[in-house]
Amino acid sequence: MKRENLIRYLFKNRCIFVREGARHTVFLNPLLKKTSTIPRHNEIDNFLARKICRDLGIEPPTKY
């Protein structure tokens, strides 16, 4: 899955951008107070995309 598509999906699910790290971007789900980091790779493995969504407490995307 493309990184930009995953980030767009997170914004649609009300997750907010927290900060940029050296190699990761941190997102927060304010409703559940859960955070997750997204690596700065062009392609993110589907397994990792599902794990990021699970960490944030949202449904994983059905279309990759």
N, C-alpha and C. Protein backbone atom coordinates (compact mmCIF):
# COMPACT_ATOMS: atom_id res chain seq x y z
N MET A 1 0.84 -1.16 0.00
CA MET A 1 0.00 0.00 0.00
C MET A 1 0.90 1.23 0.00
N LYS A 2 0.53 2.23 -0.75
CA LYS A 2 1.28 3.48 -0.78
C LYS A 2 1.11 4.22 0.55
N ARG A 3 2.18 4.84 1.00
CA ARG A 3 2.17 5.56 2.28
C ARG A 3 1.13 6.68 2.27
N GLU A 4 1.06 7.42 1.17
CA GLU A 4 0.12 8.53 1.10
C GLU A 4 -1.33 8.05 1.16
N ASN A 5 -1.62 6.87 0.60
CA ASN A 5 -2.97 6.32 0.69
C ASN A 5 -3.32 5.93 2.11
N LEU A 6 -2.35 5.37 2.83
CA LEU A 6 -2.59 5.01 4.23
C LEU A 6 -2.83 6.26 5.07
N ILE A 7 -2.04 7.29 4.86
CA ILE A 7 -2.22 8.53 5.62
C ILE A 7 -3.58 9.15 5.31
N ARG A 8 -3.99 9.13 4.05
CA ARG A 8 -5.30 9.66 3.68
C ARG A 8 -6.41 8.86 4.38
N TYR A 9 -6.24 7.54 4.45
CA TYR A 9 -7.21 6.68 5.13
C TYR A 9 -7.29 7.01 6.62
N LEU A 10 -6.13 7.27 7.25
CA LEU A 10 -6.12 7.61 8.67
C LEU A 10 -6.85 8.93 8.92
N PHE A 11 -6.63 9.92 8.05
CA PHE A 11 -7.32 11.20 8.22
C PHE A 11 -8.83 11.03 8.06
N LYS A 12 -9.27 10.18 7.14
CA LYS A 12 -10.71 9.93 6.95
C LYS A 12 -11.33 9.29 8.18
N ASN A 13 -10.51 8.56 8.95
CA ASN A 13 -11.00 7.89 10.15
C ASN A 13 -10.71 8.69 11.42
N ARG A 14 -10.58 10.00 11.26
CA ARG A 14 -10.45 10.96 12.36
C ARG A 14 -9.17 10.84 13.18
N CYS A 15 -8.14 10.26 12.60
CA CYS A 15 -6.84 10.25 13.28
C CYS A 15 -6.14 11.56 12.95
N ILE A 16 -5.34 12.03 13.88
CA ILE A 16 -4.67 13.31 13.67
C ILE A 16 -3.15 13.13 13.69
N PHE A 17 -2.50 14.00 12.95
CA PHE A 17 -1.05 14.03 12.89
C PHE A 17 -0.52 14.63 14.18
N VAL A 18 0.46 13.99 14.81
CA VAL A 18 1.04 14.49 16.05
C VAL A 18 2.38 15.15 15.79
N ARG A 19 3.31 14.38 15.20
CA ARG A 19 4.65 14.93 14.97
C ARG A 19 5.41 14.09 13.96
N GLU A 20 6.48 14.68 13.46
CA GLU A 20 7.40 13.99 12.57
C GLU A 20 8.62 13.61 13.38
N GLY A 21 9.03 12.37 13.29
CA GLY A 21 10.26 11.94 13.92
C GLY A 21 11.36 11.90 12.88
N ALA A 22 12.50 11.34 13.23
CA ALA A 22 13.61 11.25 12.28
C ALA A 22 13.26 10.33 11.12
N ARG A 23 12.61 9.22 11.42
CA ARG A 23 12.28 8.24 10.37
C ARG A 23 10.83 7.81 10.36
N HIS A 24 10.00 8.38 11.25
CA HIS A 24 8.61 7.99 11.36
C HIS A 24 7.70 9.20 11.51
N THR A 25 6.43 9.00 11.22
CA THR A 25 5.39 9.99 11.46
C THR A 25 4.47 9.39 12.52
N VAL A 26 4.08 10.18 13.49
CA VAL A 26 3.25 9.70 14.59
C VAL A 26 1.82 10.22 14.42
N PHE A 27 0.86 9.30 14.51
CA PHE A 27 -0.55 9.64 14.42
C PHE A 27 -1.25 9.24 15.71
N LEU A 28 -2.34 9.95 16.02
CA LEU A 28 -3.11 9.73 17.25
C LEU A 28 -4.58 9.58 16.90
N ASN A 29 -5.24 8.63 17.54
CA ASN A 29 -6.69 8.53 17.48
C ASN A 29 -7.20 9.20 18.75
N PRO A 30 -7.72 10.43 18.65
CA PRO A 30 -8.10 11.19 19.85
C PRO A 30 -9.29 10.58 20.60
N LEU A 31 -10.13 9.81 19.92
CA LEU A 31 -11.28 9.21 20.59
C LEU A 31 -10.85 8.11 21.54
N LEU A 32 -9.84 7.33 21.15
CA LEU A 32 -9.38 6.21 21.96
C LEU A 32 -8.06 6.48 22.67
N LYS A 33 -7.44 7.62 22.36
CA LYS A 33 -6.15 8.00 22.95
C LYS A 33 -5.07 6.96 22.63
N LYS A 34 -5.06 6.49 21.37
CA LYS A 34 -4.07 5.51 20.94
C LYS A 34 -3.19 6.13 19.87
N THR A 35 -1.90 5.77 19.89
CA THR A 35 -0.97 6.30 18.89
C THR A 35 -0.32 5.15 18.12
N SER A 36 0.22 5.52 16.97
CA SER A 36 0.98 4.58 16.16
C SER A 36 1.94 5.36 15.28
N THR A 37 3.02 4.71 14.89
CA THR A 37 4.01 5.35 14.03
C THR A 37 3.96 4.75 12.64
N ILE A 38 4.20 5.59 11.65
CA ILE A 38 4.21 5.17 10.26
C ILE A 38 5.60 5.45 9.71
N PRO A 39 6.28 4.42 9.20
CA PRO A 39 7.62 4.64 8.65
C PRO A 39 7.56 5.46 7.37
N ARG A 40 8.66 6.11 7.05
CA ARG A 40 8.71 6.93 5.84
C ARG A 40 9.27 6.12 4.68
N HIS A 41 8.49 5.15 4.23
CA HIS A 41 8.81 4.36 3.05
C HIS A 41 7.72 4.66 2.03
N ASN A 42 8.05 4.60 0.75
CA ASN A 42 7.03 4.82 -0.27
C ASN A 42 5.96 3.74 -0.22
N GLU A 43 6.38 2.51 -0.04
CA GLU A 43 5.46 1.38 0.06
C GLU A 43 5.46 0.84 1.48
N ILE A 44 4.27 0.60 2.01
CA ILE A 44 4.13 0.02 3.34
C ILE A 44 3.46 -1.35 3.16
N ASP A 45 4.07 -2.36 3.74
CA ASP A 45 3.55 -3.72 3.62
C ASP A 45 2.12 -3.77 4.14
N ASN A 46 1.28 -4.59 3.51
CA ASN A 46 -0.13 -4.69 3.91
C ASN A 46 -0.28 -5.17 5.35
N PHE A 47 0.60 -6.07 5.78
CA PHE A 47 0.56 -6.54 7.16
C PHE A 47 0.82 -5.38 8.13
N LEU A 48 1.79 -4.54 7.81
CA LEU A 48 2.11 -3.38 8.65
C LEU A 48 0.97 -2.37 8.64
N ALA A 49 0.34 -2.17 7.49
CA ALA A 49 -0.80 -1.24 7.41
C ALA A 49 -1.94 -1.71 8.31
N ARG A 50 -2.21 -3.02 8.31
CA ARG A 50 -3.25 -3.56 9.20
C ARG A 50 -2.87 -3.38 10.66
N LYS A 51 -1.59 -3.58 10.99
CA LYS A 51 -1.13 -3.42 12.37
C LYS A 51 -1.26 -1.97 12.83
N ILE A 52 -0.93 -1.02 11.98
CA ILE A 52 -1.06 0.40 12.31
C ILE A 52 -2.51 0.73 12.60
N CYS A 53 -3.42 0.24 11.76
CA CYS A 53 -4.85 0.49 11.99
C CYS A 53 -5.32 -0.17 13.29
N ARG A 54 -4.84 -1.37 13.56
CA ARG A 54 -5.21 -2.06 14.80
C ARG A 54 -4.69 -1.30 16.01
N ASP A 55 -3.46 -0.77 15.91
CA ASP A 55 -2.90 0.02 17.01
C ASP A 55 -3.73 1.27 17.28
N LEU A 56 -4.29 1.86 16.23
CA LEU A 56 -5.08 3.08 16.37
C LEU A 56 -6.55 2.78 16.70
N GLY A 57 -6.95 1.53 16.66
CA GLY A 57 -8.31 1.15 17.00
C GLY A 57 -9.31 1.41 15.89
N ILE A 58 -8.86 1.38 14.63
CA ILE A 58 -9.78 1.57 13.51
C ILE A 58 -9.75 0.32 12.63
N GLU A 59 -10.77 0.19 11.78
CA GLU A 59 -10.84 -0.94 10.86
C GLU A 59 -9.75 -0.80 9.82
N PRO A 60 -9.08 -1.89 9.48
CA PRO A 60 -8.08 -1.81 8.40
C PRO A 60 -8.76 -1.58 7.05
N PRO A 61 -8.06 -0.95 6.12
CA PRO A 61 -8.66 -0.71 4.80
C PRO A 61 -8.91 -2.04 4.09
N THR A 62 -10.02 -2.10 3.37
CA THR A 62 -10.35 -3.33 2.66
C THR A 62 -9.68 -3.38 1.29
N LYS A 63 -9.35 -2.22 0.74
CA LYS A 63 -8.73 -2.16 -0.57
C LYS A 63 -7.30 -1.68 -0.45
N TYR A 64 -6.36 -2.45 -0.98
CA TYR A 64 -4.94 -2.06 -0.91
C TYR A 64 -4.48 -1.54 -2.20
